[in-house]
Amino acid sequence: MATGWESLGFGDKFGLITGIGSTLTGMIANRAAANTERYKLKSQALNFEHQRDMAKLNTRMLESQAQHIGRAYNKQIAIRTLKSGQEISRTRASFAARGIQMGVGSTANVFASAELIKEIDRLTMNTNKVRAMNNQRLRAVNMGIRGDMLGVSANNLFSTASAVSPFMNMTSTLLTGATNIVSNLPNSFFEKS
């Protein structure tokens, strides 16, 4: 009785060759799938890096806007203070032209009230300036945190991509395929002559 290859019939030989072929095809497909997954993860990581870089750029832009807001409010405060000073001077000149004694009685109250209103306006505008600048800086901080989180995500994806191993996928397919091939061989294939 024949053993080994000669013991196999045409169907067994065809099945063995087909099994080997499908195992090799599976190994190639799994290698390609692993490489595709690795490239997909690297692409996502690069996308996160781009978003991180844009977030850092936006953080700097928001800080610049906060400084611009501060300068704009300072200009408004200066303009309002000058207008208040001009109104007080105009009132003084009007009182003096009419011969009203300055700093006594109701005139003292008029000028004290005008100075108080000028100071309240200045403080209110300064409060609004600080609030607007802090809101813009808070947006910048949030953007910076978002950038940091995107950087962490990018690093994690790069690590995951480097852990994807085409060799491990191929080895798994090889072992599974070899097990199926050997288990489907007839017992006569393994008998000694």
Protein backbone atom coordinates (compact mmCIF):
# COMPACT_ATOMS: atom_id res chain seq x y z
CA MET A 1 0.00 0.00 0.00
CA ALA A 2 1.27 3.44 -0.90
CA THR A 3 2.01 6.06 1.73
CA GLY A 4 2.62 9.80 1.68
CA TRP A 5 1.83 11.69 -1.50
CA GLU A 6 1.24 8.51 -3.50
CA SER A 7 -1.47 7.41 -1.05
CA LEU A 8 -3.61 10.41 -1.92
CA GLY A 9 -6.25 10.28 -4.59
CA PHE A 10 -6.84 13.02 -7.12
CA GLY A 11 -9.44 14.74 -4.90
CA ASP A 12 -7.14 14.61 -1.85
CA LYS A 13 -4.23 16.03 -3.84
CA PHE A 14 -6.44 18.75 -5.27
CA GLY A 15 -7.78 19.55 -1.78
CA LEU A 16 -4.24 19.69 -0.34
CA ILE A 17 -2.99 22.04 -3.07
CA THR A 18 -6.11 24.20 -2.75
CA GLY A 19 -5.66 24.32 1.04
CA ILE A 20 -2.04 25.43 0.68
CA GLY A 21 -3.06 28.03 -1.89
CA SER A 22 -5.85 29.41 0.25
CA THR A 23 -3.54 29.53 3.27
CA LEU A 24 -0.97 31.54 1.28
CA THR A 25 -3.69 33.79 -0.10
CA GLY A 26 -5.04 34.32 3.42
CA MET A 27 -1.55 35.19 4.67
CA ILE A 28 -1.11 37.79 1.92
CA ALA A 29 -4.59 39.22 2.58
CA ASN A 30 -3.96 39.44 6.33
CA ARG A 31 -0.64 41.16 5.74
CA ALA A 32 -2.38 43.68 3.49
CA ALA A 33 -5.18 44.17 6.04
CA ALA A 34 -2.65 44.79 8.83
CA ASN A 35 -0.75 47.29 6.68
CA THR A 36 -4.01 49.01 5.77
CA GLU A 37 -4.96 49.28 9.45
CA ARG A 38 -1.51 50.61 10.32
CA TYR A 39 -1.69 53.27 7.59
CA LYS A 40 -5.22 54.19 8.65
CA LEU A 41 -4.09 54.71 12.26
CA LYS A 42 -1.07 56.76 11.15
CA SER A 43 -3.34 58.88 8.96
CA GLN A 44 -5.66 59.55 11.90
CA ALA A 45 -2.65 60.42 14.07
CA LEU A 46 -1.38 62.88 11.47
CA ASN A 47 -4.84 64.43 11.30
CA PHE A 48 -4.82 64.86 15.09
CA GLU A 49 -1.35 66.42 14.91
CA HIS A 50 -2.63 68.91 12.33
CA GLN A 51 -5.61 69.77 14.55
CA ARG A 52 -3.22 70.16 17.51
CA ASP A 53 -1.03 72.56 15.54
CA MET A 54 -4.08 74.57 14.47
CA ALA A 55 -5.28 74.70 18.09
CA LYS A 56 -1.89 76.05 19.19
CA LEU A 57 -2.05 78.67 16.44
CA ASN A 58 -5.58 79.62 17.50
CA THR A 59 -4.40 79.86 21.13
CA ARG A 60 -1.81 82.47 20.14
CA MET A 61 -4.38 84.28 18.00
CA LEU A 62 -6.89 84.42 20.89
CA GLU A 63 -4.23 85.84 23.23
CA SER A 64 -3.42 88.47 20.62
CA GLN A 65 -7.12 89.31 20.39
CA ALA A 66 -7.29 89.65 24.19
CA GLN A 67 -4.45 92.17 24.09
CA HIS A 68 -6.17 94.04 21.25
CA ILE A 69 -9.39 94.16 23.29
CA GLY A 70 -7.40 95.64 26.19
CA ARG A 71 -5.92 98.35 23.94
CA ALA A 72 -9.35 99.17 22.46
CA TYR A 73 -10.91 99.52 25.92
CA ASN A 74 -7.99 101.66 27.10
CA LYS A 75 -8.61 103.97 24.15
CA GLN A 76 -12.33 104.16 25.00
CA ILE A 77 -11.50 104.90 28.65
CA ALA A 78 -9.14 107.67 27.59
CA ILE A 79 -11.73 109.20 25.24
CA ARG A 80 -14.47 109.03 27.89
CA THR A 81 -12.19 110.54 30.55
CA LEU A 82 -11.22 113.40 28.21
CA LYS A 83 -14.88 114.08 27.37
CA SER A 84 -15.77 114.12 31.07
CA GLY A 85 -12.89 116.49 31.76
CA GLN A 86 -14.04 118.78 28.92
CA GLU A 87 -17.60 118.79 30.28
CA ILE A 88 -16.34 119.73 33.75
CA SER A 89 -14.13 122.48 32.27
CA ARG A 90 -17.03 123.78 30.15
CA THR A 91 -19.25 123.86 33.26
CA ARG A 92 -16.56 125.71 35.24
CA ALA A 93 -16.17 128.27 32.45
CA SER A 94 -19.95 128.73 32.26
CA PHE A 95 -20.21 129.23 36.03
CA ALA A 96 -17.29 131.65 36.05
CA ALA A 97 -18.75 133.64 33.15
CA ARG A 98 -21.98 134.07 35.08
CA GLY A 99 -20.08 135.09 38.21
CA ILE A 100 -21.01 132.05 40.28
CA GLN A 101 -18.61 131.38 43.14
CA MET A 102 -16.78 128.06 42.69
CA GLY A 103 -16.38 125.38 45.34
CA VAL A 104 -19.16 126.61 47.60
CA GLY A 105 -22.62 125.12 48.12
CA SER A 106 -24.36 123.64 45.11
CA THR A 107 -21.44 124.36 42.76
CA ALA A 108 -19.22 122.17 44.91
CA ASN A 109 -21.87 119.44 44.69
CA VAL A 110 -22.09 119.78 40.90
CA PHE A 111 -18.34 119.31 40.47
CA ALA A 112 -18.12 116.52 43.05
CA SER A 113 -20.96 114.68 41.27
CA ALA A 114 -19.30 115.17 37.90
CA GLU A 115 -15.98 113.79 39.23
CA LEU A 116 -17.82 110.85 40.81
CA ILE A 117 -19.66 110.02 37.57
CA LYS A 118 -16.37 110.27 35.65
CA GLU A 119 -14.72 107.83 38.07
CA ILE A 120 -17.71 105.43 38.00
CA ASP A 121 -17.63 105.45 34.19
CA ARG A 122 -13.89 104.77 34.18
CA LEU A 123 -14.22 101.89 36.67
CA THR A 124 -17.16 100.39 34.78
CA MET A 125 -15.27 100.52 31.50
CA ASN A 126 -12.19 99.03 33.16
CA THR A 127 -14.32 96.21 34.62
CA ASN A 128 -15.78 95.52 31.18
CA LYS A 129 -12.26 95.51 29.72
CA VAL A 130 -10.99 93.01 32.27
CA ARG A 131 -14.05 90.79 31.75
CA ALA A 132 -13.71 90.83 27.94
CA MET A 133 -9.97 90.15 28.09
CA ASN A 134 -10.42 87.30 30.57
CA ASN A 135 -13.17 85.74 28.44
CA GLN A 136 -10.85 85.81 25.43
CA ARG A 137 -7.96 84.40 27.47
CA LEU A 138 -10.24 81.66 28.82
CA ARG A 139 -11.04 80.72 25.22
CA ALA A 140 -7.30 80.63 24.55
CA VAL A 141 -6.71 78.34 27.54
CA ASN A 142 -9.50 76.02 26.40
CA MET A 143 -8.00 75.96 22.91
CA GLY A 144 -4.58 75.14 24.41
CA ILE A 145 -6.09 72.27 26.42
CA ARG A 146 -7.82 70.99 23.29
CA GLY A 147 -4.48 71.12 21.47
CA ASP A 148 -2.79 69.16 24.24
CA MET A 149 -5.52 66.51 24.19
CA LEU A 150 -5.22 66.21 20.40
CA GLY A 151 -1.47 65.73 20.82
CA VAL A 152 -2.07 62.93 23.31
CA SER A 153 -4.55 61.30 20.92
CA ALA A 154 -2.05 61.54 18.07
CA ASN A 155 0.68 59.91 20.18
CA ASN A 156 -1.70 57.12 21.20
CA LEU A 157 -2.62 56.44 17.59
CA PHE A 158 1.04 56.37 16.55
CA SER A 159 1.70 53.86 19.35
CA THR A 160 -1.25 51.72 18.28
CA ALA A 161 -0.12 51.85 14.65
CA SER A 162 3.36 50.66 15.58
CA ALA A 163 1.83 47.74 17.52
CA VAL A 164 -0.05 46.43 14.45
CA SER A 165 2.06 43.54 13.17
CA PRO A 166 1.52 42.06 9.70
CA PHE A 167 3.80 39.17 10.70
CA MET A 168 1.52 38.22 13.61
CA ASN A 169 -1.53 38.28 11.34
CA MET A 170 0.30 36.13 8.78
CA THR A 171 1.49 33.69 11.45
CA SER A 172 -2.02 33.23 12.79
CA THR A 173 -3.33 32.47 9.30
CA LEU A 174 -0.46 30.09 8.62
CA LEU A 175 -1.07 28.12 11.81
CA THR A 176 -4.83 27.95 11.23
CA GLY A 177 -4.37 26.94 7.59
CA ALA A 178 -1.73 24.31 8.37
CA THR A 179 -3.95 22.84 11.09
CA ASN A 180 -6.88 22.60 8.66
CA ILE A 181 -4.71 21.02 5.95
CA VAL A 182 -3.22 18.41 8.28
CA SER A 183 -6.56 17.58 9.88
CA ASN A 184 -8.13 16.93 6.46
CA LEU A 185 -5.40 14.52 5.27
CA PRO A 186 -6.30 10.83 5.31
CA ASN A 187 -4.57 8.58 7.88
CA SER A 188 -2.83 6.70 5.07
CA PHE A 189 -0.78 9.83 4.40
CA PHE A 190 0.96 9.43 7.77
CA GLU A 191 1.54 5.65 7.77
CA LYS A 192 5.06 4.28 7.30
CA SER A 193 5.71 1.80 4.54
